[in-house]
Amino acid sequence: MTDTMRLAEDERAELLDLLTGLTAEQWEAPTLCTGWCVRDVVTHVVSYDELNPLGAVGAFLRGGFRFGRVNQLRIDAYADRSPDELITLFKACLHPRGITAGRGGRIALCDGMIHQQDIRRPLGLPRTIPAERMIATLDFARTVPLIHAPKRIRDLTLAATDLDWTTGTGPRVEGPAEALLMAIAGRSGITDELTGPGLPTLAQRIGG
């Protein structure tokens, strides 16, 4: 049985290694998350770890149960933290807690991997993701309503060309596993890395 909590910890540790090497300019650079710089994405990844159950309920109440609004409020709450302070916080959150520990760490794993790529891709910093970690993330990401994945990939077959991973039925979309993950998450600018008769449908659902 896959130890998804360990995989989540490994993913966060690798993201921490990346963050400790970034320049001040890179911390302010844009990411694939519209309107968020690297600092914002890093804050998002760990800000929920500091919430106990009551704090989490309060955060969603303040955000009117609109997930995008809640995310932004969490980011705003850490706006005065320096990169060094955020790194210190990140070190304390290598083991997911609270909401992010849900589903055996799968929430932290999926969120962390997608957002690490949100940071790396615009900075031109590719990496090789271990197959076990990637497959576990793909298996979970395809089911997550909050990122609209089930609707986005409905009636399509997605197949990785660099891993033994396939999901769905219908017209086929093929490509590297990492590109499939980012497409599942709805990131734009990814579909030119994919091929197959189902690609126009997926591209339309992503929005480009």
N, C-alpha and C. Protein backbone atom coordinates (compact mmCIF):
# COMPACT_ATOMS: atom_id res chain seq x y z
N MET A 1 0.84 -1.20 0.00
CA MET A 1 0.00 0.00 0.00
C MET A 1 0.87 1.24 0.00
N THR A 2 0.55 2.21 -0.86
CA THR A 2 1.36 3.41 -0.99
C THR A 2 1.24 4.29 0.25
N ASP A 3 2.37 4.71 0.81
CA ASP A 3 2.39 5.61 1.96
C ASP A 3 2.31 7.04 1.44
N THR A 4 1.09 7.53 1.22
CA THR A 4 0.92 8.84 0.60
C THR A 4 1.36 9.98 1.52
N MET A 5 1.32 9.78 2.84
CA MET A 5 1.82 10.82 3.73
C MET A 5 3.33 10.99 3.55
N ARG A 6 4.04 9.88 3.41
CA ARG A 6 5.48 9.97 3.15
C ARG A 6 5.75 10.66 1.82
N LEU A 7 4.95 10.35 0.82
CA LEU A 7 5.14 11.00 -0.48
C LEU A 7 4.89 12.50 -0.37
N ALA A 8 3.89 12.90 0.42
CA ALA A 8 3.61 14.32 0.62
C ALA A 8 4.79 15.00 1.31
N GLU A 9 5.36 14.35 2.30
CA GLU A 9 6.52 14.91 2.99
C GLU A 9 7.70 15.05 2.03
N ASP A 10 7.91 14.04 1.20
CA ASP A 10 8.99 14.10 0.22
C ASP A 10 8.79 15.26 -0.76
N GLU A 11 7.55 15.44 -1.18
CA GLU A 11 7.25 16.53 -2.12
C GLU A 11 7.51 17.88 -1.47
N ARG A 12 7.07 18.05 -0.23
CA ARG A 12 7.32 19.31 0.46
C ARG A 12 8.81 19.54 0.70
N ALA A 13 9.54 18.48 1.01
CA ALA A 13 10.99 18.62 1.22
C ALA A 13 11.68 19.08 -0.06
N GLU A 14 11.24 18.55 -1.20
CA GLU A 14 11.84 18.96 -2.47
C GLU A 14 11.47 20.40 -2.80
N LEU A 15 10.25 20.80 -2.49
CA LEU A 15 9.87 22.19 -2.71
C LEU A 15 10.67 23.11 -1.79
N LEU A 16 10.91 22.70 -0.56
CA LEU A 16 11.72 23.51 0.34
C LEU A 16 13.13 23.69 -0.21
N ASP A 17 13.71 22.63 -0.76
CA ASP A 17 15.04 22.75 -1.37
C ASP A 17 15.04 23.79 -2.48
N LEU A 18 13.98 23.79 -3.28
CA LEU A 18 13.87 24.79 -4.35
C LEU A 18 13.80 26.20 -3.76
N LEU A 19 12.96 26.37 -2.76
CA LEU A 19 12.74 27.72 -2.21
C LEU A 19 14.00 28.31 -1.60
N THR A 20 14.80 27.47 -0.95
CA THR A 20 16.00 28.00 -0.30
C THR A 20 17.03 28.51 -1.30
N GLY A 21 16.88 28.15 -2.56
CA GLY A 21 17.83 28.60 -3.57
C GLY A 21 17.33 29.74 -4.44
N LEU A 22 16.10 30.22 -4.20
CA LEU A 22 15.54 31.28 -5.03
C LEU A 22 16.09 32.65 -4.65
N THR A 23 16.21 33.51 -5.64
CA THR A 23 16.62 34.89 -5.39
C THR A 23 15.42 35.72 -4.96
N ALA A 24 15.69 36.93 -4.47
CA ALA A 24 14.60 37.83 -4.09
C ALA A 24 13.70 38.13 -5.27
N GLU A 25 14.29 38.26 -6.45
CA GLU A 25 13.48 38.54 -7.65
C GLU A 25 12.60 37.34 -8.00
N GLN A 26 13.10 36.14 -7.84
CA GLN A 26 12.31 34.95 -8.15
C GLN A 26 11.14 34.79 -7.19
N TRP A 27 11.30 35.20 -5.94
CA TRP A 27 10.19 35.14 -4.99
C TRP A 27 9.02 36.01 -5.43
N GLU A 28 9.30 37.05 -6.19
CA GLU A 28 8.25 37.96 -6.65
C GLU A 28 7.81 37.66 -8.08
N ALA A 29 8.36 36.63 -8.69
CA ALA A 29 8.05 36.31 -10.09
C ALA A 29 6.65 35.71 -10.21
N PRO A 30 6.00 35.90 -11.36
CA PRO A 30 4.67 35.32 -11.58
C PRO A 30 4.74 33.81 -11.69
N THR A 31 3.62 33.17 -11.40
CA THR A 31 3.50 31.71 -11.50
C THR A 31 2.36 31.37 -12.46
N LEU A 32 2.08 30.10 -12.60
CA LEU A 32 0.94 29.68 -13.42
C LEU A 32 -0.40 29.94 -12.75
N CYS A 33 -0.39 30.29 -11.47
CA CYS A 33 -1.62 30.67 -10.76
C CYS A 33 -1.87 32.15 -11.03
N THR A 34 -2.90 32.44 -11.76
CA THR A 34 -3.18 33.80 -12.19
C THR A 34 -3.22 34.77 -11.01
N GLY A 35 -2.40 35.80 -11.07
CA GLY A 35 -2.38 36.84 -10.05
C GLY A 35 -1.52 36.52 -8.84
N TRP A 36 -0.93 35.33 -8.80
CA TRP A 36 -0.11 34.94 -7.66
C TRP A 36 1.36 34.88 -8.06
N CYS A 37 2.22 35.50 -7.23
CA CYS A 37 3.65 35.36 -7.40
C CYS A 37 4.13 34.15 -6.60
N VAL A 38 5.41 33.87 -6.67
CA VAL A 38 5.96 32.71 -5.96
C VAL A 38 5.66 32.80 -4.46
N ARG A 39 5.84 33.99 -3.89
CA ARG A 39 5.55 34.17 -2.47
C ARG A 39 4.11 33.76 -2.13
N ASP A 40 3.17 34.15 -2.98
CA ASP A 40 1.76 33.83 -2.74
C ASP A 40 1.52 32.32 -2.78
N VAL A 41 2.11 31.66 -3.76
CA VAL A 41 1.91 30.22 -3.90
C VAL A 41 2.48 29.49 -2.70
N VAL A 42 3.67 29.89 -2.27
CA VAL A 42 4.29 29.26 -1.10
C VAL A 42 3.40 29.44 0.13
N THR A 43 2.90 30.65 0.33
CA THR A 43 2.00 30.91 1.45
C THR A 43 0.78 30.01 1.39
N HIS A 44 0.20 29.90 0.21
CA HIS A 44 -1.00 29.07 0.05
C HIS A 44 -0.73 27.63 0.44
N VAL A 45 0.41 27.09 0.04
CA VAL A 45 0.71 25.68 0.27
C VAL A 45 0.69 25.34 1.76
N VAL A 46 1.19 26.24 2.61
CA VAL A 46 1.32 25.89 4.03
C VAL A 46 0.40 26.67 4.97
N SER A 47 -0.30 27.68 4.49
CA SER A 47 -1.08 28.52 5.41
C SER A 47 -2.21 27.75 6.10
N TYR A 48 -2.75 26.74 5.44
CA TYR A 48 -3.84 25.97 6.05
C TYR A 48 -3.34 25.04 7.15
N ASP A 49 -2.05 24.71 7.12
CA ASP A 49 -1.50 23.82 8.14
C ASP A 49 -1.60 24.42 9.54
N GLU A 50 -1.61 25.73 9.63
CA GLU A 50 -1.63 26.39 10.93
C GLU A 50 -3.03 26.52 11.52
N LEU A 51 -4.04 26.08 10.77
CA LEU A 51 -5.42 26.20 11.24
C LEU A 51 -5.86 24.92 11.94
N ASN A 52 -6.37 25.07 13.17
CA ASN A 52 -7.05 23.95 13.80
C ASN A 52 -8.47 23.86 13.23
N PRO A 53 -9.24 22.83 13.58
CA PRO A 53 -10.58 22.71 12.98
C PRO A 53 -11.44 23.96 13.15
N LEU A 54 -11.41 24.57 14.33
CA LEU A 54 -12.21 25.78 14.54
C LEU A 54 -11.70 26.92 13.67
N GLY A 55 -10.38 27.05 13.56
CA GLY A 55 -9.81 28.09 12.71
C GLY A 55 -10.16 27.90 11.25
N ALA A 56 -10.22 26.64 10.82
CA ALA A 56 -10.57 26.37 9.43
C ALA A 56 -12.01 26.77 9.15
N VAL A 57 -12.91 26.47 10.08
CA VAL A 57 -14.31 26.87 9.92
C VAL A 57 -14.40 28.39 9.85
N GLY A 58 -13.68 29.08 10.72
CA GLY A 58 -13.69 30.54 10.72
C GLY A 58 -13.18 31.12 9.42
N ALA A 59 -12.13 30.50 8.86
CA ALA A 59 -11.57 30.99 7.59
C ALA A 59 -12.59 30.88 6.46
N PHE A 60 -13.32 29.76 6.43
CA PHE A 60 -14.31 29.57 5.37
C PHE A 60 -15.52 30.48 5.58
N LEU A 61 -15.86 30.75 6.83
CA LEU A 61 -16.95 31.69 7.09
C LEU A 61 -16.57 33.09 6.61
N ARG A 62 -15.36 33.52 6.91
CA ARG A 62 -14.92 34.86 6.49
C ARG A 62 -14.85 34.96 4.98
N GLY A 63 -14.57 33.85 4.32
CA GLY A 63 -14.49 33.86 2.86
C GLY A 63 -15.80 33.55 2.18
N GLY A 64 -16.89 33.49 2.97
CA GLY A 64 -18.19 33.21 2.39
C GLY A 64 -18.27 31.85 1.72
N PHE A 65 -17.44 30.91 2.17
CA PHE A 65 -17.39 29.56 1.60
C PHE A 65 -17.08 29.56 0.10
N ARG A 66 -16.44 30.64 -0.36
CA ARG A 66 -15.94 30.70 -1.73
C ARG A 66 -14.45 30.39 -1.67
N PHE A 67 -14.06 29.26 -2.25
CA PHE A 67 -12.71 28.75 -2.03
C PHE A 67 -11.65 29.74 -2.50
N GLY A 68 -11.87 30.37 -3.64
CA GLY A 68 -10.91 31.35 -4.13
C GLY A 68 -10.74 32.51 -3.17
N ARG A 69 -11.84 32.97 -2.59
CA ARG A 69 -11.79 34.07 -1.63
C ARG A 69 -11.09 33.64 -0.35
N VAL A 70 -11.38 32.43 0.11
CA VAL A 70 -10.71 31.92 1.32
C VAL A 70 -9.20 31.84 1.08
N ASN A 71 -8.80 31.32 -0.07
CA ASN A 71 -7.37 31.24 -0.40
C ASN A 71 -6.71 32.62 -0.33
N GLN A 72 -7.38 33.61 -0.92
CA GLN A 72 -6.78 34.94 -0.94
C GLN A 72 -6.68 35.53 0.46
N LEU A 73 -7.67 35.29 1.29
CA LEU A 73 -7.61 35.78 2.67
C LEU A 73 -6.47 35.14 3.43
N ARG A 74 -6.22 33.85 3.19
CA ARG A 74 -5.10 33.19 3.85
C ARG A 74 -3.78 33.80 3.38
N ILE A 75 -3.66 34.09 2.11
CA ILE A 75 -2.44 34.71 1.59
C ILE A 75 -2.27 36.11 2.18
N ASP A 76 -3.34 36.87 2.23
CA ASP A 76 -3.27 38.23 2.77
C ASP A 76 -2.82 38.23 4.23
N ALA A 77 -3.19 37.19 4.96
CA ALA A 77 -2.84 37.11 6.38
C ALA A 77 -1.33 36.95 6.60
N TYR A 78 -0.61 36.56 5.56
CA TYR A 78 0.84 36.35 5.66
C TYR A 78 1.61 37.35 4.81
N ALA A 79 0.97 38.42 4.41
CA ALA A 79 1.58 39.35 3.46
C ALA A 79 2.84 40.02 3.99
N ASP A 80 2.95 40.12 5.33
CA ASP A 80 4.12 40.80 5.90
C ASP A 80 5.28 39.85 6.16
N ARG A 81 5.15 38.57 5.82
CA ARG A 81 6.23 37.61 6.05
C ARG A 81 7.30 37.74 4.96
N SER A 82 8.54 37.74 5.36
CA SER A 82 9.65 37.76 4.40
C SER A 82 9.86 36.36 3.85
N PRO A 83 10.59 36.22 2.74
CA PRO A 83 10.91 34.88 2.25
C PRO A 83 11.57 34.00 3.31
N ASP A 84 12.48 34.55 4.10
CA ASP A 84 13.12 33.76 5.14
C ASP A 84 12.11 33.29 6.19
N GLU A 85 11.15 34.13 6.52
CA GLU A 85 10.13 33.74 7.48
C GLU A 85 9.22 32.67 6.91
N LEU A 86 8.91 32.77 5.62
CA LEU A 86 8.09 31.75 4.98
C LEU A 86 8.84 30.42 4.90
N ILE A 87 10.13 30.47 4.67
CA ILE A 87 10.93 29.25 4.66
C ILE A 87 10.93 28.60 6.04
N THR A 88 11.06 29.41 7.08
CA THR A 88 11.00 28.88 8.44
C THR A 88 9.65 28.21 8.70
N LEU A 89 8.57 28.84 8.25
CA LEU A 89 7.24 28.25 8.39
C LEU A 89 7.15 26.95 7.61
N PHE A 90 7.69 26.97 6.41
CA PHE A 90 7.64 25.77 5.56
C PHE A 90 8.36 24.61 6.23
N LYS A 91 9.51 24.89 6.84
CA LYS A 91 10.25 23.82 7.54
C LYS A 91 9.42 23.20 8.65
N ALA A 92 8.60 24.01 9.30
CA ALA A 92 7.75 23.50 10.38
C ALA A 92 6.55 22.72 9.86
N CYS A 93 6.31 22.79 8.55
CA CYS A 93 5.13 22.15 7.95
C CYS A 93 5.50 21.02 6.99
N LEU A 94 6.71 20.49 7.11
CA LEU A 94 7.09 19.40 6.21
C LEU A 94 6.19 18.19 6.41
N HIS A 95 5.72 17.98 7.62
CA HIS A 95 4.69 16.96 7.86
C HIS A 95 3.34 17.65 7.83
N PRO A 96 2.50 17.36 6.83
CA PRO A 96 1.21 18.05 6.70
C PRO A 96 0.36 17.93 7.95
N ARG A 97 -0.36 19.01 8.24
CA ARG A 97 -1.26 19.04 9.40
C ARG A 97 -2.60 19.61 8.96
N GLY A 98 -3.61 19.37 9.80
CA GLY A 98 -4.92 19.96 9.55
C GLY A 98 -5.53 19.51 8.24
N ILE A 99 -6.10 20.47 7.52
CA ILE A 99 -6.78 20.16 6.25
C ILE A 99 -5.85 19.45 5.28
N THR A 100 -4.61 19.90 5.19
CA THR A 100 -3.71 19.34 4.17
C THR A 100 -3.34 17.88 4.45
N ALA A 101 -3.52 17.44 5.69
CA ALA A 101 -3.23 16.04 6.02
C ALA A 101 -4.36 15.10 5.62
N GLY A 102 -5.44 15.66 5.14
CA GLY A 102 -6.61 14.87 4.78
C GLY A 102 -6.32 13.85 3.69
N ARG A 103 -7.12 12.80 3.71
CA ARG A 103 -7.01 11.69 2.75
C ARG A 103 -5.60 11.08 2.78
N GLY A 104 -5.09 10.91 3.99
CA GLY A 104 -3.79 10.28 4.14
C GLY A 104 -2.64 11.07 3.56
N GLY A 105 -2.79 12.40 3.55
CA GLY A 105 -1.75 13.26 3.00
C GLY A 105 -1.90 13.54 1.52
N ARG A 106 -2.93 12.96 0.90
CA ARG A 106 -3.10 13.15 -0.55
C ARG A 106 -3.39 14.60 -0.90
N ILE A 107 -4.08 15.32 -0.03
CA ILE A 107 -4.36 16.73 -0.31
C ILE A 107 -3.05 17.51 -0.38
N ALA A 108 -2.18 17.30 0.61
CA ALA A 108 -0.89 17.99 0.62
C ALA A 108 -0.03 17.57 -0.56
N LEU A 109 -0.05 16.28 -0.90
CA LEU A 109 0.75 15.79 -2.02
C LEU A 109 0.30 16.42 -3.33
N CYS A 110 -0.99 16.39 -3.59
CA CYS A 110 -1.52 16.91 -4.85
C CYS A 110 -1.32 18.43 -4.93
N ASP A 111 -1.69 19.12 -3.87
CA ASP A 111 -1.55 20.57 -3.84
C ASP A 111 -0.09 20.97 -3.98
N GLY A 112 0.78 20.27 -3.25
CA GLY A 112 2.19 20.61 -3.29
C GLY A 112 2.82 20.37 -4.64
N MET A 113 2.48 19.25 -5.28
CA MET A 113 3.09 18.96 -6.57
C MET A 113 2.62 19.92 -7.65
N ILE A 114 1.32 20.16 -7.71
CA ILE A 114 0.81 21.09 -8.72
C ILE A 114 1.43 22.47 -8.52
N HIS A 115 1.47 22.93 -7.28
CA HIS A 115 1.98 24.27 -7.04
C HIS A 115 3.49 24.36 -7.19
N GLN A 116 4.20 23.27 -6.93
CA GLN A 116 5.65 23.32 -7.21
C GLN A 116 5.88 23.50 -8.71
N GLN A 117 5.07 22.83 -9.52
CA GLN A 117 5.19 23.02 -10.97
C GLN A 117 4.71 24.41 -11.40
N ASP A 118 3.72 24.94 -10.70
CA ASP A 118 3.29 26.33 -10.97
C ASP A 118 4.45 27.30 -10.81
N ILE A 119 5.33 27.01 -9.86
CA ILE A 119 6.49 27.85 -9.62
C ILE A 119 7.60 27.54 -10.62
N ARG A 120 7.90 26.27 -10.80
CA ARG A 120 9.05 25.87 -11.60
C ARG A 120 8.91 26.20 -13.08
N ARG A 121 7.74 25.97 -13.63
CA ARG A 121 7.59 26.15 -15.08
C ARG A 121 7.91 27.58 -15.53
N PRO A 122 7.33 28.63 -14.95
CA PRO A 122 7.66 29.98 -15.40
C PRO A 122 9.13 30.37 -15.14
N LEU A 123 9.73 29.77 -14.11
CA LEU A 123 11.12 30.07 -13.79
C LEU A 123 12.10 29.26 -14.64
N GLY A 124 11.58 28.34 -15.44
CA GLY A 124 12.45 27.51 -16.27
C GLY A 124 13.31 26.56 -15.46
N LEU A 125 12.70 25.97 -14.41
CA LEU A 125 13.43 25.07 -13.51
C LEU A 125 12.76 23.69 -13.49
N PRO A 126 12.95 22.90 -14.54
CA PRO A 126 12.31 21.58 -14.60
C PRO A 126 12.94 20.62 -13.59
N ARG A 127 12.26 19.53 -13.35
CA ARG A 127 12.77 18.49 -12.46
C ARG A 127 12.25 17.14 -12.92
N THR A 128 12.83 16.08 -12.39
CA THR A 128 12.34 14.73 -12.62
C THR A 128 11.57 14.31 -11.38
N ILE A 129 10.28 14.03 -11.55
CA ILE A 129 9.42 13.65 -10.43
C ILE A 129 9.39 12.13 -10.32
N PRO A 130 9.66 11.58 -9.13
CA PRO A 130 9.63 10.12 -8.96
C PRO A 130 8.29 9.54 -9.40
N ALA A 131 8.34 8.40 -10.07
CA ALA A 131 7.14 7.80 -10.66
C ALA A 131 6.08 7.50 -9.60
N GLU A 132 6.48 6.96 -8.46
CA GLU A 132 5.51 6.62 -7.43
C GLU A 132 4.75 7.85 -6.97
N ARG A 133 5.46 8.93 -6.81
CA ARG A 133 4.85 10.18 -6.34
C ARG A 133 3.91 10.74 -7.42
N MET A 134 4.34 10.68 -8.66
CA MET A 134 3.52 11.21 -9.75
C MET A 134 2.24 10.40 -9.93
N ILE A 135 2.33 9.08 -9.90
CA ILE A 135 1.15 8.24 -10.09
C ILE A 135 0.15 8.45 -8.97
N ALA A 136 0.62 8.53 -7.73
CA ALA A 136 -0.29 8.77 -6.61
C ALA A 136 -0.99 10.11 -6.76
N THR A 137 -0.27 11.11 -7.25
CA THR A 137 -0.86 12.44 -7.43
C THR A 137 -1.89 12.43 -8.55
N LEU A 138 -1.57 11.81 -9.66
CA LEU A 138 -2.51 11.72 -10.77
C LEU A 138 -3.79 10.99 -10.36
N ASP A 139 -3.63 9.90 -9.63
CA ASP A 139 -4.79 9.12 -9.21
C ASP A 139 -5.73 9.94 -8.33
N PHE A 140 -5.17 10.80 -7.50
CA PHE A 140 -6.00 11.63 -6.64
C PHE A 140 -6.52 12.86 -7.38
N ALA A 141 -5.65 13.53 -8.13
CA ALA A 141 -6.02 14.78 -8.79
C ALA A 141 -7.22 14.62 -9.71
N ARG A 142 -7.32 13.49 -10.39
CA ARG A 142 -8.41 13.29 -11.35
C ARG A 142 -9.78 13.25 -10.68
N THR A 143 -9.81 13.10 -9.34
CA THR A 143 -11.08 12.98 -8.62
C THR A 143 -11.48 14.25 -7.88
N VAL A 144 -10.66 15.30 -7.91
CA VAL A 144 -10.83 16.44 -7.00
C VAL A 144 -11.80 17.48 -7.58
N PRO A 145 -12.98 17.63 -7.00
CA PRO A 145 -13.94 18.62 -7.52
C PRO A 145 -13.47 20.07 -7.36
N LEU A 146 -12.68 20.37 -6.32
CA LEU A 146 -12.27 21.75 -6.09
C LEU A 146 -11.43 22.31 -7.23
N ILE A 147 -10.72 21.45 -7.95
CA ILE A 147 -9.98 21.93 -9.11
C ILE A 147 -10.73 21.60 -10.41
N HIS A 148 -11.98 21.15 -10.26
CA HIS A 148 -12.87 20.87 -11.40
C HIS A 148 -12.34 19.75 -12.30
N ALA A 149 -11.52 18.88 -11.75
CA ALA A 149 -10.92 17.83 -12.56
C ALA A 149 -11.93 16.86 -13.15
N PRO A 150 -12.90 16.34 -12.37
CA PRO A 150 -13.83 15.37 -12.97
C PRO A 150 -14.57 15.92 -14.18
N LYS A 151 -15.00 17.16 -14.10
CA LYS A 151 -15.71 17.78 -15.22
C LYS A 151 -14.77 18.02 -16.40
N ARG A 152 -13.53 18.39 -16.09
CA ARG A 152 -12.58 18.74 -17.15
C ARG A 152 -12.18 17.54 -17.98
N ILE A 153 -12.08 16.37 -17.36
CA ILE A 153 -11.59 15.19 -18.08
C ILE A 153 -12.69 14.17 -18.37
N ARG A 154 -13.94 14.56 -18.15
CA ARG A 154 -15.08 13.67 -18.38
C ARG A 154 -15.09 13.16 -19.82
N ASP A 155 -15.33 11.85 -19.97
CA ASP A 155 -15.46 11.21 -21.28
C ASP A 155 -14.19 11.32 -22.12
N LEU A 156 -13.05 11.38 -21.46
CA LEU A 156 -11.76 11.38 -22.15
C LEU A 156 -10.88 10.30 -21.54
N THR A 157 -10.02 9.72 -22.36
CA THR A 157 -8.98 8.83 -21.87
C THR A 157 -7.68 9.62 -21.80
N LEU A 158 -7.05 9.62 -20.63
CA LEU A 158 -5.76 10.27 -20.46
C LEU A 158 -4.71 9.19 -20.27
N ALA A 159 -3.62 9.28 -21.02
CA ALA A 159 -2.58 8.25 -20.96
C ALA A 159 -1.20 8.90 -20.92
N ALA A 160 -0.43 8.54 -19.91
CA ALA A 160 0.94 9.05 -19.81
C ALA A 160 1.85 8.27 -20.77
N THR A 161 2.73 8.97 -21.43
CA THR A 161 3.66 8.33 -22.36
C THR A 161 4.98 7.98 -21.70
N ASP A 162 5.21 8.45 -20.48
CA ASP A 162 6.47 8.17 -19.79
C ASP A 162 6.27 7.35 -18.51
N LEU A 163 5.02 6.99 -18.22
CA LEU A 163 4.68 6.17 -17.06
C LEU A 163 3.57 5.20 -17.44
N ASP A 164 3.40 4.17 -16.65
CA ASP A 164 2.30 3.23 -16.86
C ASP A 164 1.07 3.76 -16.12
N TRP A 165 0.38 4.72 -16.73
CA TRP A 165 -0.79 5.33 -16.09
C TRP A 165 -1.78 5.74 -17.16
N THR A 166 -3.03 5.30 -16.98
CA THR A 166 -4.13 5.64 -17.88
C THR A 166 -5.40 5.78 -17.05
N THR A 167 -6.27 6.68 -17.47
CA THR A 167 -7.55 6.82 -16.78
C THR A 167 -8.61 7.24 -17.78
N GLY A 168 -9.86 6.86 -17.51
CA GLY A 168 -10.99 7.34 -18.29
C GLY A 168 -11.32 6.50 -19.50
N THR A 169 -12.39 6.93 -20.17
CA THR A 169 -12.82 6.31 -21.42
C THR A 169 -13.19 7.42 -22.39
N GLY A 170 -13.03 7.14 -23.66
CA GLY A 170 -13.36 8.14 -24.67
C GLY A 170 -12.14 8.52 -25.47
N PRO A 171 -12.24 9.58 -26.27
CA PRO A 171 -11.10 10.03 -27.08
C PRO A 171 -9.84 10.20 -26.24
N ARG A 172 -8.73 9.83 -26.80
CA ARG A 172 -7.47 9.73 -26.06
C ARG A 172 -6.69 11.05 -26.07
N VAL A 173 -6.08 11.35 -24.94
CA VAL A 173 -5.12 12.45 -24.81
C VAL A 173 -3.85 11.86 -24.22
N GLU A 174 -2.74 12.04 -24.89
CA GLU A 174 -1.48 11.46 -24.48
C GLU A 174 -0.43 12.53 -24.25
N GLY A 175 0.53 12.21 -23.37
CA GLY A 175 1.66 13.10 -23.15
C GLY A 175 2.38 12.76 -21.88
N PRO A 176 3.42 13.51 -21.56
CA PRO A 176 4.15 13.29 -20.32
C PRO A 176 3.23 13.41 -19.11
N ALA A 177 3.48 12.61 -18.09
CA ALA A 177 2.62 12.58 -16.92
C ALA A 177 2.50 13.95 -16.26
N GLU A 178 3.61 14.67 -16.18
CA GLU A 178 3.57 15.99 -15.53
C GLU A 178 2.68 16.94 -16.30
N ALA A 179 2.74 16.91 -17.61
CA ALA A 179 1.88 17.77 -18.42
C ALA A 179 0.41 17.38 -18.27
N LEU A 180 0.13 16.08 -18.19
CA LEU A 180 -1.24 15.63 -17.96
C LEU A 180 -1.76 16.15 -16.62
N LEU A 181 -0.92 16.09 -15.59
CA LEU A 181 -1.33 16.57 -14.28
C LEU A 181 -1.70 18.05 -14.34
N MET A 182 -0.86 18.84 -14.98
CA MET A 182 -1.12 20.28 -15.03
C MET A 182 -2.35 20.59 -15.88
N ALA A 183 -2.60 19.77 -16.89
CA ALA A 183 -3.83 19.94 -17.68
C ALA A 183 -5.05 19.55 -16.86
N ILE A 184 -4.95 18.46 -16.10
CA ILE A 184 -6.04 18.07 -15.21
C ILE A 184 -6.37 19.20 -14.25
N ALA A 185 -5.34 19.91 -13.79
CA ALA A 185 -5.51 21.02 -12.87
C ALA A 185 -5.99 22.30 -13.55
N GLY A 186 -6.10 22.27 -14.88
CA GLY A 186 -6.65 23.41 -15.60
C GLY A 186 -5.66 24.50 -15.93
N ARG A 187 -4.37 24.18 -15.93
CA ARG A 187 -3.38 25.21 -16.23
C ARG A 187 -3.30 25.45 -17.73
N SER A 188 -3.27 26.70 -18.11
CA SER A 188 -3.18 27.07 -19.53
C SER A 188 -1.74 26.93 -20.00
N GLY A 189 -1.57 26.87 -21.33
CA GLY A 189 -0.24 26.78 -21.90
C GLY A 189 0.36 25.39 -21.83
N ILE A 190 -0.44 24.39 -21.50
CA ILE A 190 0.07 23.03 -21.33
C ILE A 190 -0.28 22.14 -22.51
N THR A 191 -1.38 22.44 -23.17
CA THR A 191 -1.92 21.48 -24.15
C THR A 191 -1.02 21.28 -25.36
N ASP A 192 -0.08 22.21 -25.63
CA ASP A 192 0.82 21.98 -26.76
C ASP A 192 1.83 20.87 -26.47
N GLU A 193 1.86 20.38 -25.23
CA GLU A 193 2.73 19.26 -24.87
C GLU A 193 2.00 17.93 -24.97
N LEU A 194 0.73 17.98 -25.35
CA LEU A 194 -0.10 16.78 -25.40
C LEU A 194 -0.56 16.53 -26.84
N THR A 195 -1.02 15.30 -27.10
CA THR A 195 -1.52 14.94 -28.43
C THR A 195 -2.74 14.04 -28.26
N GLY A 196 -3.40 13.78 -29.40
CA GLY A 196 -4.49 12.82 -29.40
C GLY A 196 -5.81 13.42 -29.81
N PRO A 197 -6.75 12.57 -30.23
CA PRO A 197 -8.04 13.05 -30.72
C PRO A 197 -8.89 13.74 -29.66
N GLY A 198 -8.63 13.48 -28.38
CA GLY A 198 -9.39 14.15 -27.33
C GLY A 198 -8.83 15.50 -26.92
N LEU A 199 -7.68 15.87 -27.51
CA LEU A 199 -7.02 17.11 -27.09
C LEU A 199 -7.86 18.37 -27.33
N PRO A 200 -8.54 18.52 -28.49
CA PRO A 200 -9.35 19.73 -28.67
C PRO A 200 -10.41 19.91 -27.59
N THR A 201 -11.02 18.81 -27.16
CA THR A 201 -12.03 18.90 -26.11
C THR A 201 -11.40 19.34 -24.80
N LEU A 202 -10.27 18.76 -24.44
CA LEU A 202 -9.60 19.13 -23.20
C LEU A 202 -9.14 20.59 -23.24
N ALA A 203 -8.58 20.98 -24.37
CA ALA A 203 -8.11 22.36 -24.51
C ALA A 203 -9.26 23.35 -24.36
N GLN A 204 -10.40 23.02 -24.95
CA GLN A 204 -11.57 23.90 -24.84
C GLN A 204 -12.03 24.02 -23.40
N ARG A 205 -12.00 22.92 -22.68
CA ARG A 205 -12.43 22.94 -21.28
C ARG A 205 -11.46 23.72 -20.39
N ILE A 206 -10.18 23.66 -20.73
CA ILE A 206 -9.20 24.45 -19.98
C ILE A 206 -9.33 25.92 -20.32
N GLY A 207 -9.63 26.17 -21.59
CA GLY A 207 -9.79 27.56 -22.00
C GLY A 207 -8.67 28.05 -22.88
N GLY A 208 -8.02 27.15 -23.59
CA GLY A 208 -6.96 27.56 -24.50
C GLY A 208 -5.95 26.45 -24.69
